[in-house]
Amino acid sequence: MKLQIVTVGKLREAYFKAAAQEYSARIQHFLPLELTDVPTGTGESTNGQGKGALLKEADAIEKAIPTNSVLVALDITGKMLSSEQLSSWMQSQMQISSQRIAFVIGGAWGIAPKILERADMRLSLSPMTFPHELAQVILLEQLYRALSLWKGLPYHK
């Protein structure tokens, strides 16, 4: 199985890049990981909703994710899982031979409805809103924690 994280926008701050690189390297001891940045959409805002931007971002996200992927959209209204539950869910995906799990982190306007509708799961990191850079680091850390639990490593404690 391969993991993919698709993020709208790039990591800009050095401290976010360093944290992301650290957790990415740790994850790759267990599974291949692909980090994909798609451009932030620009477009007219309709009623302050950023619909033009969302559509452009959705097109880029769809192009970045192979069609046979299990798609997990990070969404504030999504399901909240404990670290143990995330680990169990990932293990179950490995057992049913999912070739790739693609996690999508939206930009300032969130994630387009068509991506949310296509998602196999909507996952919430918290009821709070985070910038995409911090969300990526949190997700990477949780993926590493989930894989550590799977392998019985002491990191989780």
N, C-alpha and C. Protein backbone atom coordinates (compact mmCIF):
# COMPACT_ATOMS: atom_id res chain seq x y z
N MET A 1 0.84 -1.17 0.00
CA MET A 1 0.00 0.00 0.00
C MET A 1 0.89 1.23 0.00
N LYS A 2 0.36 2.27 -0.61
CA LYS A 2 1.04 3.56 -0.67
C LYS A 2 0.13 4.61 -0.05
N LEU A 3 0.73 5.55 0.65
CA LEU A 3 0.00 6.68 1.20
C LEU A 3 0.29 7.92 0.35
N GLN A 4 -0.71 8.75 0.20
CA GLN A 4 -0.55 10.00 -0.52
C GLN A 4 -1.27 11.09 0.26
N ILE A 5 -0.63 12.22 0.36
CA ILE A 5 -1.28 13.39 0.95
C ILE A 5 -1.28 14.47 -0.12
N VAL A 6 -2.48 14.90 -0.47
CA VAL A 6 -2.65 15.97 -1.45
C VAL A 6 -3.08 17.22 -0.68
N THR A 7 -2.29 18.27 -0.81
CA THR A 7 -2.55 19.50 -0.07
C THR A 7 -2.72 20.65 -1.04
N VAL A 8 -3.75 21.46 -0.82
CA VAL A 8 -3.93 22.68 -1.61
C VAL A 8 -2.97 23.72 -1.02
N GLY A 9 -2.01 24.13 -1.82
CA GLY A 9 -1.01 25.08 -1.36
C GLY A 9 0.25 24.36 -0.88
N LYS A 10 1.32 25.12 -0.81
CA LYS A 10 2.62 24.57 -0.42
C LYS A 10 2.94 24.90 1.03
N LEU A 11 3.82 24.10 1.59
CA LEU A 11 4.37 24.45 2.90
C LEU A 11 5.36 25.58 2.68
N ARG A 12 5.19 26.67 3.37
CA ARG A 12 6.06 27.83 3.16
C ARG A 12 7.03 28.06 4.31
N GLU A 13 6.58 27.86 5.51
CA GLU A 13 7.41 28.14 6.68
C GLU A 13 8.40 27.00 6.92
N ALA A 14 9.64 27.37 7.25
CA ALA A 14 10.71 26.39 7.45
C ALA A 14 10.37 25.39 8.55
N TYR A 15 9.72 25.84 9.62
CA TYR A 15 9.42 24.92 10.72
C TYR A 15 8.35 23.90 10.33
N PHE A 16 7.39 24.27 9.48
CA PHE A 16 6.42 23.30 8.99
C PHE A 16 7.11 22.31 8.05
N LYS A 17 7.98 22.82 7.18
CA LYS A 17 8.71 21.94 6.26
C LYS A 17 9.55 20.94 7.02
N ALA A 18 10.26 21.41 8.07
CA ALA A 18 11.12 20.51 8.86
C ALA A 18 10.30 19.42 9.53
N ALA A 19 9.17 19.79 10.13
CA ALA A 19 8.33 18.80 10.80
C ALA A 19 7.76 17.81 9.79
N ALA A 20 7.30 18.30 8.64
CA ALA A 20 6.75 17.43 7.61
C ALA A 20 7.81 16.47 7.09
N GLN A 21 9.03 16.95 6.88
CA GLN A 21 10.11 16.10 6.41
C GLN A 21 10.45 15.02 7.43
N GLU A 22 10.45 15.39 8.70
CA GLU A 22 10.76 14.42 9.76
C GLU A 22 9.73 13.29 9.78
N TYR A 23 8.46 13.64 9.83
CA TYR A 23 7.43 12.60 9.88
C TYR A 23 7.34 11.82 8.58
N SER A 24 7.57 12.48 7.46
CA SER A 24 7.57 11.78 6.17
C SER A 24 8.65 10.71 6.15
N ALA A 25 9.84 11.05 6.62
CA ALA A 25 10.93 10.08 6.65
C ALA A 25 10.59 8.91 7.56
N ARG A 26 9.96 9.19 8.69
CA ARG A 26 9.58 8.12 9.61
C ARG A 26 8.53 7.20 8.98
N ILE A 27 7.55 7.79 8.33
CA ILE A 27 6.48 7.00 7.69
C ILE A 27 7.06 6.09 6.62
N GLN A 28 8.03 6.60 5.87
CA GLN A 28 8.58 5.83 4.76
C GLN A 28 9.38 4.60 5.21
N HIS A 29 9.61 4.46 6.51
CA HIS A 29 10.18 3.21 7.02
C HIS A 29 9.15 2.09 6.97
N PHE A 30 7.87 2.47 6.93
CA PHE A 30 6.78 1.50 6.92
C PHE A 30 6.14 1.34 5.55
N LEU A 31 5.82 2.48 4.93
CA LEU A 31 5.08 2.47 3.66
C LEU A 31 5.59 3.60 2.77
N PRO A 32 5.47 3.43 1.45
CA PRO A 32 5.79 4.54 0.56
C PRO A 32 4.81 5.70 0.80
N LEU A 33 5.33 6.90 0.70
CA LEU A 33 4.52 8.10 0.93
C LEU A 33 4.80 9.10 -0.18
N GLU A 34 3.74 9.65 -0.72
CA GLU A 34 3.86 10.69 -1.75
C GLU A 34 3.15 11.94 -1.24
N LEU A 35 3.88 13.04 -1.20
CA LEU A 35 3.30 14.33 -0.84
C LEU A 35 3.09 15.12 -2.12
N THR A 36 1.86 15.54 -2.35
CA THR A 36 1.51 16.24 -3.57
C THR A 36 0.87 17.58 -3.21
N ASP A 37 1.46 18.65 -3.73
CA ASP A 37 0.86 19.97 -3.55
C ASP A 37 0.15 20.34 -4.85
N VAL A 38 -1.06 20.85 -4.73
CA VAL A 38 -1.74 21.39 -5.90
C VAL A 38 -1.89 22.89 -5.69
N PRO A 39 -1.92 23.64 -6.77
CA PRO A 39 -1.98 25.10 -6.64
C PRO A 39 -3.27 25.58 -5.98
N THR A 40 -3.13 26.65 -5.25
CA THR A 40 -4.29 27.31 -4.68
C THR A 40 -5.09 27.91 -5.82
N GLY A 41 -6.38 27.65 -5.82
CA GLY A 41 -7.24 28.16 -6.89
C GLY A 41 -7.44 29.65 -6.78
N THR A 42 -7.55 30.25 -7.91
CA THR A 42 -7.91 31.66 -7.94
C THR A 42 -9.15 31.77 -8.79
N GLY A 43 -9.98 32.66 -8.47
CA GLY A 43 -11.21 32.81 -9.23
C GLY A 43 -12.14 33.73 -8.47
N GLU A 44 -13.16 34.12 -9.13
CA GLU A 44 -14.10 35.03 -8.49
C GLU A 44 -14.78 34.35 -7.32
N SER A 45 -14.92 35.11 -6.28
CA SER A 45 -15.64 34.63 -5.11
C SER A 45 -17.12 34.94 -5.30
N THR A 46 -17.95 33.92 -5.12
CA THR A 46 -19.39 34.10 -5.21
C THR A 46 -19.93 34.15 -3.78
N ASN A 47 -20.45 35.29 -3.40
CA ASN A 47 -20.97 35.46 -2.04
C ASN A 47 -19.93 35.10 -0.98
N GLY A 48 -18.66 35.39 -1.26
CA GLY A 48 -17.62 35.09 -0.30
C GLY A 48 -17.33 33.61 -0.12
N GLN A 49 -17.82 32.77 -1.02
CA GLN A 49 -17.68 31.33 -0.88
C GLN A 49 -16.48 30.76 -1.63
N GLY A 50 -15.82 31.52 -2.48
CA GLY A 50 -14.65 31.05 -3.21
C GLY A 50 -14.95 29.92 -4.18
N LYS A 51 -16.13 29.91 -4.79
CA LYS A 51 -16.54 28.78 -5.64
C LYS A 51 -15.65 28.59 -6.86
N GLY A 52 -15.21 29.68 -7.47
CA GLY A 52 -14.33 29.55 -8.62
C GLY A 52 -13.01 28.91 -8.22
N ALA A 53 -12.47 29.34 -7.10
CA ALA A 53 -11.22 28.77 -6.60
C ALA A 53 -11.40 27.29 -6.26
N LEU A 54 -12.49 26.96 -5.60
CA LEU A 54 -12.75 25.57 -5.23
C LEU A 54 -12.82 24.65 -6.44
N LEU A 55 -13.46 25.12 -7.51
CA LEU A 55 -13.57 24.29 -8.72
C LEU A 55 -12.20 24.03 -9.34
N LYS A 56 -11.36 25.06 -9.39
CA LYS A 56 -10.01 24.88 -9.92
C LYS A 56 -9.20 23.93 -9.06
N GLU A 57 -9.33 24.08 -7.74
CA GLU A 57 -8.60 23.19 -6.83
C GLU A 57 -9.10 21.75 -6.98
N ALA A 58 -10.42 21.58 -7.12
CA ALA A 58 -10.99 20.24 -7.27
C ALA A 58 -10.45 19.55 -8.52
N ASP A 59 -10.35 20.29 -9.61
CA ASP A 59 -9.81 19.71 -10.85
C ASP A 59 -8.37 19.25 -10.64
N ALA A 60 -7.58 20.07 -9.96
CA ALA A 60 -6.18 19.71 -9.70
C ALA A 60 -6.08 18.50 -8.77
N ILE A 61 -6.95 18.45 -7.77
CA ILE A 61 -6.97 17.31 -6.84
C ILE A 61 -7.32 16.03 -7.59
N GLU A 62 -8.34 16.09 -8.43
CA GLU A 62 -8.75 14.90 -9.19
C GLU A 62 -7.63 14.39 -10.09
N LYS A 63 -6.89 15.30 -10.69
CA LYS A 63 -5.78 14.90 -11.56
C LYS A 63 -4.63 14.27 -10.76
N ALA A 64 -4.48 14.69 -9.51
CA ALA A 64 -3.36 14.22 -8.69
C ALA A 64 -3.58 12.83 -8.08
N ILE A 65 -4.84 12.41 -7.99
CA ILE A 65 -5.16 11.16 -7.30
C ILE A 65 -5.56 10.08 -8.30
N PRO A 66 -4.86 8.95 -8.31
CA PRO A 66 -5.27 7.85 -9.18
C PRO A 66 -6.70 7.39 -8.84
N THR A 67 -7.44 6.94 -9.82
CA THR A 67 -8.85 6.62 -9.64
C THR A 67 -9.08 5.44 -8.69
N ASN A 68 -8.14 4.54 -8.55
CA ASN A 68 -8.35 3.38 -7.68
C ASN A 68 -7.99 3.66 -6.21
N SER A 69 -7.76 4.91 -5.87
CA SER A 69 -7.36 5.27 -4.51
C SER A 69 -8.56 5.29 -3.56
N VAL A 70 -8.29 4.95 -2.31
CA VAL A 70 -9.25 5.19 -1.24
C VAL A 70 -9.06 6.66 -0.88
N LEU A 71 -10.10 7.45 -1.03
CA LEU A 71 -10.00 8.89 -0.84
C LEU A 71 -10.52 9.29 0.54
N VAL A 72 -9.67 9.96 1.29
CA VAL A 72 -10.03 10.47 2.61
C VAL A 72 -9.91 11.98 2.56
N ALA A 73 -11.04 12.67 2.73
CA ALA A 73 -11.06 14.13 2.71
C ALA A 73 -11.04 14.64 4.14
N LEU A 74 -10.08 15.49 4.45
CA LEU A 74 -10.06 16.11 5.77
C LEU A 74 -11.10 17.21 5.78
N ASP A 75 -12.06 17.06 6.68
CA ASP A 75 -13.21 17.95 6.71
C ASP A 75 -13.65 18.13 8.16
N ILE A 76 -13.86 19.36 8.54
CA ILE A 76 -14.22 19.66 9.93
C ILE A 76 -15.48 18.93 10.38
N THR A 77 -16.36 18.60 9.44
CA THR A 77 -17.60 17.89 9.79
C THR A 77 -17.43 16.37 9.67
N GLY A 78 -16.23 15.93 9.39
CA GLY A 78 -15.98 14.50 9.20
C GLY A 78 -15.95 13.72 10.50
N LYS A 79 -15.64 12.46 10.36
CA LYS A 79 -15.58 11.54 11.49
C LYS A 79 -14.29 11.79 12.27
N MET A 80 -14.43 11.85 13.59
CA MET A 80 -13.25 11.99 14.45
C MET A 80 -12.86 10.60 14.95
N LEU A 81 -11.60 10.24 14.72
CA LEU A 81 -11.08 8.94 15.14
C LEU A 81 -9.97 9.14 16.16
N SER A 82 -9.86 8.22 17.08
CA SER A 82 -8.69 8.20 17.96
C SER A 82 -7.50 7.69 17.14
N SER A 83 -6.33 7.81 17.69
CA SER A 83 -5.14 7.28 17.01
C SER A 83 -5.26 5.78 16.81
N GLU A 84 -5.79 5.10 17.81
CA GLU A 84 -5.98 3.65 17.70
C GLU A 84 -6.99 3.30 16.62
N GLN A 85 -8.06 4.07 16.54
CA GLN A 85 -9.08 3.81 15.51
C GLN A 85 -8.52 4.07 14.11
N LEU A 86 -7.72 5.11 13.96
CA LEU A 86 -7.09 5.39 12.66
C LEU A 86 -6.17 4.23 12.28
N SER A 87 -5.40 3.74 13.24
CA SER A 87 -4.51 2.62 12.97
C SER A 87 -5.30 1.39 12.54
N SER A 88 -6.38 1.10 13.24
CA SER A 88 -7.22 -0.06 12.88
C SER A 88 -7.82 0.10 11.50
N TRP A 89 -8.29 1.31 11.19
CA TRP A 89 -8.88 1.56 9.88
C TRP A 89 -7.84 1.35 8.78
N MET A 90 -6.64 1.87 9.00
CA MET A 90 -5.57 1.70 7.99
C MET A 90 -5.22 0.23 7.82
N GLN A 91 -5.16 -0.51 8.92
CA GLN A 91 -4.87 -1.94 8.83
C GLN A 91 -5.95 -2.67 8.03
N SER A 92 -7.21 -2.28 8.25
CA SER A 92 -8.29 -2.93 7.50
C SER A 92 -8.17 -2.61 6.01
N GLN A 93 -7.75 -1.40 5.68
CA GLN A 93 -7.54 -1.04 4.27
C GLN A 93 -6.43 -1.88 3.65
N MET A 94 -5.38 -2.15 4.43
CA MET A 94 -4.28 -2.99 3.94
C MET A 94 -4.76 -4.41 3.68
N GLN A 95 -5.66 -4.90 4.54
CA GLN A 95 -6.14 -6.27 4.40
C GLN A 95 -7.06 -6.45 3.19
N ILE A 96 -7.77 -5.39 2.80
CA ILE A 96 -8.63 -5.52 1.62
C ILE A 96 -7.90 -5.07 0.36
N SER A 97 -6.61 -5.04 0.46
CA SER A 97 -5.68 -4.72 -0.64
C SER A 97 -5.91 -3.38 -1.32
N SER A 98 -6.17 -2.37 -0.53
CA SER A 98 -6.19 -1.03 -1.11
C SER A 98 -4.78 -0.70 -1.55
N GLN A 99 -4.64 -0.26 -2.78
CA GLN A 99 -3.31 0.06 -3.28
C GLN A 99 -2.81 1.41 -2.79
N ARG A 100 -3.74 2.32 -2.54
CA ARG A 100 -3.34 3.67 -2.15
C ARG A 100 -4.45 4.30 -1.32
N ILE A 101 -4.02 4.97 -0.27
CA ILE A 101 -4.93 5.82 0.49
C ILE A 101 -4.47 7.25 0.24
N ALA A 102 -5.36 8.06 -0.30
CA ALA A 102 -5.05 9.46 -0.59
C ALA A 102 -5.82 10.35 0.37
N PHE A 103 -5.09 11.12 1.15
CA PHE A 103 -5.69 12.08 2.07
C PHE A 103 -5.65 13.45 1.40
N VAL A 104 -6.76 14.18 1.47
CA VAL A 104 -6.84 15.50 0.83
C VAL A 104 -7.04 16.57 1.90
N ILE A 105 -6.16 17.57 1.86
CA ILE A 105 -6.25 18.73 2.75
C ILE A 105 -6.58 19.94 1.89
N GLY A 106 -7.71 20.56 2.17
CA GLY A 106 -8.15 21.70 1.39
C GLY A 106 -7.41 22.99 1.73
N GLY A 107 -7.73 24.01 0.97
CA GLY A 107 -7.14 25.32 1.17
C GLY A 107 -8.06 26.22 1.98
N ALA A 108 -7.92 27.51 1.75
CA ALA A 108 -8.67 28.51 2.53
C ALA A 108 -10.18 28.33 2.42
N TRP A 109 -10.65 27.82 1.29
CA TRP A 109 -12.10 27.66 1.08
C TRP A 109 -12.58 26.26 1.42
N GLY A 110 -11.69 25.42 1.92
CA GLY A 110 -12.08 24.04 2.23
C GLY A 110 -11.87 23.13 1.04
N ILE A 111 -12.75 22.14 0.90
CA ILE A 111 -12.67 21.17 -0.19
C ILE A 111 -13.98 21.24 -0.98
N ALA A 112 -13.88 21.22 -2.27
CA ALA A 112 -15.06 21.31 -3.15
C ALA A 112 -16.03 20.18 -2.88
N PRO A 113 -17.33 20.46 -2.97
CA PRO A 113 -18.34 19.43 -2.74
C PRO A 113 -18.13 18.17 -3.59
N LYS A 114 -17.68 18.31 -4.84
CA LYS A 114 -17.53 17.11 -5.67
C LYS A 114 -16.43 16.19 -5.14
N ILE A 115 -15.42 16.74 -4.49
CA ILE A 115 -14.38 15.92 -3.87
C ILE A 115 -14.93 15.28 -2.60
N LEU A 116 -15.66 16.06 -1.81
CA LEU A 116 -16.26 15.51 -0.59
C LEU A 116 -17.22 14.38 -0.90
N GLU A 117 -17.98 14.52 -1.97
CA GLU A 117 -18.94 13.47 -2.37
C GLU A 117 -18.23 12.22 -2.85
N ARG A 118 -17.09 12.39 -3.48
CA ARG A 118 -16.32 11.24 -3.98
C ARG A 118 -15.57 10.52 -2.86
N ALA A 119 -15.35 11.21 -1.74
CA ALA A 119 -14.54 10.66 -0.66
C ALA A 119 -15.14 9.38 -0.09
N ASP A 120 -14.26 8.43 0.19
CA ASP A 120 -14.66 7.19 0.87
C ASP A 120 -14.86 7.44 2.36
N MET A 121 -14.16 8.44 2.87
CA MET A 121 -14.31 8.82 4.27
C MET A 121 -13.99 10.31 4.40
N ARG A 122 -14.74 10.95 5.27
CA ARG A 122 -14.42 12.32 5.67
C ARG A 122 -13.86 12.23 7.08
N LEU A 123 -12.67 12.75 7.25
CA LEU A 123 -11.96 12.65 8.52
C LEU A 123 -11.76 14.04 9.10
N SER A 124 -12.09 14.20 10.37
CA SER A 124 -11.87 15.47 11.06
C SER A 124 -10.70 15.30 12.02
N LEU A 125 -9.74 16.21 11.94
CA LEU A 125 -8.64 16.21 12.90
C LEU A 125 -9.08 16.83 14.22
N SER A 126 -10.10 17.68 14.14
CA SER A 126 -10.57 18.42 15.32
C SER A 126 -11.76 19.25 14.89
N PRO A 127 -12.60 19.67 15.83
CA PRO A 127 -13.65 20.61 15.45
C PRO A 127 -13.10 22.02 15.19
N MET A 128 -11.83 22.22 15.50
CA MET A 128 -11.20 23.51 15.23
C MET A 128 -10.69 23.56 13.79
N THR A 129 -10.50 24.76 13.28
CA THR A 129 -9.95 24.96 11.94
C THR A 129 -8.45 25.21 12.06
N PHE A 130 -7.67 24.54 11.18
CA PHE A 130 -6.22 24.73 11.15
C PHE A 130 -5.79 25.21 9.78
N PRO A 131 -4.69 25.96 9.72
CA PRO A 131 -4.14 26.27 8.39
C PRO A 131 -3.66 24.96 7.75
N HIS A 132 -3.68 24.93 6.41
CA HIS A 132 -3.32 23.68 5.71
C HIS A 132 -1.93 23.19 6.09
N GLU A 133 -1.01 24.11 6.37
CA GLU A 133 0.35 23.70 6.72
C GLU A 133 0.37 22.92 8.04
N LEU A 134 -0.34 23.42 9.02
CA LEU A 134 -0.39 22.74 10.31
C LEU A 134 -1.18 21.44 10.19
N ALA A 135 -2.26 21.45 9.43
CA ALA A 135 -3.05 20.23 9.23
C ALA A 135 -2.19 19.13 8.62
N GLN A 136 -1.32 19.49 7.69
CA GLN A 136 -0.46 18.49 7.06
C GLN A 136 0.48 17.88 8.09
N VAL A 137 1.07 18.71 8.94
CA VAL A 137 2.00 18.20 9.96
C VAL A 137 1.24 17.31 10.95
N ILE A 138 0.06 17.74 11.38
CA ILE A 138 -0.74 16.93 12.31
C ILE A 138 -1.10 15.59 11.67
N LEU A 139 -1.53 15.62 10.42
CA LEU A 139 -1.89 14.38 9.73
C LEU A 139 -0.67 13.46 9.62
N LEU A 140 0.46 13.99 9.23
CA LEU A 140 1.67 13.16 9.11
C LEU A 140 2.03 12.53 10.45
N GLU A 141 1.94 13.31 11.51
CA GLU A 141 2.25 12.76 12.83
C GLU A 141 1.28 11.64 13.18
N GLN A 142 0.00 11.83 12.91
CA GLN A 142 -1.00 10.81 13.23
C GLN A 142 -0.83 9.56 12.37
N LEU A 143 -0.43 9.73 11.13
CA LEU A 143 -0.16 8.56 10.28
C LEU A 143 1.04 7.79 10.81
N TYR A 144 2.06 8.51 11.23
CA TYR A 144 3.22 7.84 11.82
C TYR A 144 2.81 7.11 13.11
N ARG A 145 2.00 7.76 13.92
CA ARG A 145 1.52 7.15 15.17
C ARG A 145 0.70 5.88 14.85
N ALA A 146 -0.18 5.97 13.85
CA ALA A 146 -1.00 4.82 13.47
C ALA A 146 -0.13 3.65 13.01
N LEU A 147 0.90 3.95 12.24
CA LEU A 147 1.79 2.90 11.76
C LEU A 147 2.64 2.33 12.90
N SER A 148 3.02 3.16 13.85
CA SER A 148 3.76 2.70 15.03
C SER A 148 2.90 1.76 15.87
N LEU A 149 1.62 2.10 16.01
CA LEU A 149 0.70 1.21 16.72
C LEU A 149 0.60 -0.14 16.01
N TRP A 150 0.49 -0.10 14.70
CA TRP A 150 0.38 -1.30 13.89
C TRP A 150 1.59 -2.22 14.12
N LYS A 151 2.76 -1.61 14.21
CA LYS A 151 4.00 -2.39 14.37
C LYS A 151 4.34 -2.65 15.84
N GLY A 152 3.53 -2.13 16.76
CA GLY A 152 3.79 -2.36 18.19
C GLY A 152 4.99 -1.61 18.73
N LEU A 153 5.31 -0.48 18.13
CA LEU A 153 6.45 0.32 18.58
C LEU A 153 6.05 1.20 19.75
N PRO A 154 7.01 1.60 20.58
CA PRO A 154 6.68 2.37 21.78
C PRO A 154 6.36 3.84 21.55
N TYR A 155 6.43 4.33 20.32
CA TYR A 155 6.19 5.76 20.05
C TYR A 155 4.87 6.24 20.61
N HIS A 156 3.84 5.42 20.49
CA HIS A 156 2.48 5.85 20.87
C HIS A 156 2.37 6.18 22.36
N LYS A 157 3.17 5.57 23.18
CA LYS A 157 3.00 5.75 24.63
C LYS A 157 3.52 7.02 25.11
